[in-house]
Protein backbone atom coordinates (compact mmCIF):
# COMPACT_ATOMS: atom_id res chain seq x y z
CA MET A 1 7.52 14.72 -13.88
CA GLN A 2 5.29 12.70 -11.82
CA ILE A 3 3.37 9.30 -12.78
CA THR A 4 0.82 7.32 -10.73
CA ARG A 5 -0.36 3.78 -10.84
CA ARG A 6 -3.67 2.51 -9.21
CA LEU A 7 -4.00 -1.03 -7.85
CA GLU A 8 -7.16 -2.34 -6.07
CA PHE A 9 -7.44 -5.12 -3.50
CA ASP A 10 -9.91 -6.40 -1.06
CA ALA A 11 -9.12 -6.94 2.75
CA GLY A 12 -10.78 -7.04 6.13
CA HIS A 13 -9.88 -5.22 9.25
CA ARG A 14 -11.46 -3.63 12.43
CA ILE A 15 -10.60 -0.49 14.53
CA PRO A 16 -11.12 -2.06 18.07
CA ASN A 17 -11.48 1.18 20.13
CA HIS A 18 -13.31 3.02 17.45
CA GLN A 19 -16.72 4.50 18.49
CA SER A 20 -18.82 3.62 15.54
CA GLN A 21 -19.43 0.50 13.34
CA CYS A 22 -15.64 0.37 12.41
CA ARG A 23 -14.99 -1.41 15.58
CA HIS A 24 -16.69 -4.47 14.14
CA LEU A 25 -14.96 -7.07 11.85
CA HIS A 26 -15.59 -5.73 8.27
CA GLY A 27 -13.83 -5.42 4.79
CA HIS A 28 -13.21 -2.73 2.14
CA ARG A 29 -12.32 -2.58 -1.65
CA TYR A 30 -9.15 -0.68 -1.11
CA ALA A 31 -7.28 1.27 -3.92
CA LEU A 32 -3.67 2.01 -3.71
CA GLU A 33 -1.99 4.75 -5.79
CA VAL A 34 1.67 4.95 -6.05
CA THR A 35 2.96 8.36 -7.33
CA LEU A 36 6.62 8.49 -8.41
CA SER A 37 8.63 11.51 -9.55
CA GLY A 38 11.80 11.60 -11.90
CA GLY A 39 12.91 12.81 -15.17
CA VAL A 40 11.55 11.23 -18.36
CA ILE A 41 14.22 8.71 -19.86
CA ASP A 42 15.51 9.85 -22.99
CA ALA A 43 17.20 6.75 -24.61
CA SER A 44 15.95 5.62 -28.01
CA ASP A 45 17.58 2.10 -27.66
CA ARG A 46 15.69 1.43 -24.45
CA PRO A 47 11.97 0.01 -24.18
CA ASP A 48 11.24 2.66 -21.48
CA ASP A 49 12.26 5.55 -23.70
CA GLY A 50 9.81 8.66 -23.06
CA MET A 51 8.85 7.12 -19.65
CA VAL A 52 9.76 7.97 -15.89
CA MET A 53 9.22 4.21 -15.30
CA ASP A 54 7.13 1.82 -17.16
CA PHE A 55 3.73 1.55 -15.47
CA SER A 56 3.96 -2.22 -15.62
CA GLU A 57 7.09 -2.19 -13.44
CA VAL A 58 5.52 0.21 -11.02
CA LYS A 59 2.51 -2.15 -10.80
CA ALA A 60 4.68 -5.37 -10.43
CA LEU A 61 6.62 -4.09 -7.36
CA ALA A 62 3.46 -2.65 -5.62
CA LYS A 63 1.57 -5.74 -6.51
CA ARG A 64 4.51 -8.17 -5.17
CA HIS A 65 5.15 -6.28 -2.03
CA VAL A 66 1.94 -4.79 -0.76
CA VAL A 67 -1.05 -5.86 -2.84
CA ALA A 68 -0.58 -9.64 -2.96
CA PRO A 69 0.17 -10.04 0.88
CA TRP A 70 -2.67 -7.75 1.90
CA ASP A 71 -5.36 -8.85 -0.90
CA HIS A 72 -8.02 -11.11 0.66
CA ALA A 73 -6.23 -10.93 4.03
CA PHE A 74 -7.58 -9.78 7.36
CA LEU A 75 -5.23 -7.00 8.42
CA VAL A 76 -5.11 -7.18 12.37
CA TRP A 77 -3.34 -5.12 14.91
CA ARG A 78 -1.11 -7.24 17.04
CA GLY A 79 -2.74 -5.44 20.16
CA ASP A 80 -6.15 -6.72 19.12
CA GLN A 81 -5.30 -10.04 20.95
CA LEU A 82 -8.83 -11.52 20.96
CA VAL A 83 -9.12 -11.34 17.06
CA ALA A 84 -5.63 -12.04 16.48
CA GLU A 85 -5.90 -15.30 18.53
CA PHE A 86 -9.31 -16.04 16.72
CA LEU A 87 -7.79 -15.71 13.26
CA ALA A 88 -4.84 -17.82 14.26
CA GLY A 89 -7.12 -20.55 15.06
CA ILE A 90 -8.71 -20.77 11.62
CA PRO A 91 -6.60 -23.15 9.50
CA ASN A 92 -5.05 -21.62 6.47
CA HIS A 93 -6.48 -18.16 7.06
CA LYS A 94 -4.75 -15.26 5.29
CA THR A 95 -3.93 -13.06 8.28
CA VAL A 96 -1.39 -10.08 8.24
CA VAL A 97 -0.40 -9.01 11.89
CA LEU A 98 0.53 -5.30 12.11
CA GLU A 99 2.20 -3.30 14.67
CA ARG A 100 -0.36 -0.56 14.28
CA VAL A 101 -4.25 -0.34 14.18
CA PRO A 102 -4.96 -1.04 10.52
CA THR A 103 -6.45 2.59 9.79
CA ALA A 104 -6.28 4.17 6.34
CA GLU A 105 -3.49 6.39 7.75
CA ASN A 106 -1.38 3.64 9.03
CA LEU A 107 -1.72 1.51 6.16
CA ALA A 108 -0.71 4.14 3.85
CA ARG A 109 2.32 4.95 6.07
CA LEU A 110 3.21 1.31 6.08
CA ALA A 111 2.95 0.74 2.30
CA PHE A 112 5.04 3.89 1.91
CA THR A 113 7.84 2.29 4.18
CA ILE A 114 7.54 -0.96 2.30
CA LEU A 115 7.88 0.48 -1.21
CA ASP A 116 9.99 3.35 -0.70
CA PRO A 117 13.24 1.44 -1.19
CA LEU A 118 12.01 -0.38 -4.10
CA TYR A 119 11.62 2.63 -6.39
CA ARG A 120 14.97 3.66 -7.07
CA ASP A 121 17.01 5.60 -9.63
CA ASN A 122 18.48 3.14 -12.01
CA TYR A 123 18.76 5.13 -15.06
CA GLY A 124 19.80 8.62 -13.86
CA ASN A 125 16.57 10.02 -13.88
CA LEU A 126 16.35 10.74 -10.06
CA LEU A 127 13.46 8.36 -9.60
CA ARG A 128 11.92 8.22 -6.15
CA LEU A 129 8.48 7.63 -4.35
CA GLU A 130 6.64 10.77 -3.52
CA ARG A 131 3.29 9.56 -2.34
CA VAL A 132 1.22 6.67 -1.46
CA ARG A 133 -2.64 7.21 -1.36
CA LEU A 134 -4.68 4.49 0.20
CA TYR A 135 -8.48 4.66 -0.46
CA GLU A 136 -10.51 2.83 2.04
CA THR A 137 -13.62 3.89 0.34
CA PRO A 138 -14.32 5.89 -2.91
CA ASN A 139 -14.78 8.89 -0.59
CA CYS A 140 -12.18 8.30 2.09
CA TRP A 141 -8.39 8.00 1.62
CA ALA A 142 -4.99 8.75 3.38
CA ASP A 143 -1.73 10.25 1.70
CA ALA A 144 1.56 9.20 3.00
CA TYR A 145 4.56 11.26 2.01
CA ARG A 146 8.17 10.96 2.72
CA ALA A 147 7.95 13.32 5.61
CA ASP A 148 5.41 10.92 7.13
CA LYS A 149 7.62 8.02 7.34
CA ALA A 150 7.78 6.81 11.08
């Protein structure tokens, strides 16, 4: 069985070497989908009876470890030194410095890497993270799977 929880957040970024408008500072309303697989819990004495994992728990982990740190932040690649230095000069600015250019693909891979150890089989139902889908726009997204971890 697979389940998916969707969360949304706003963040800014730029793709410094891109040949179009994306090389400029801009922002997106991102959506993050977390897809888990596992067996359905069959324990009538548990509050998560009949579930793979309670959707509120799926949300809480993704929110704490990915959405809250990235929401209303500027996601900047460490190699984009001019912008990184500019943002560092703004007092109390929420900036997240990344090791890779903040494309949808790289952000999806990073979110998968962050979340993968958090969704673990605690109930004998073989729970595991299968996919992270990151929407940069409603029409453009990237999927990261276990095989994509780098």
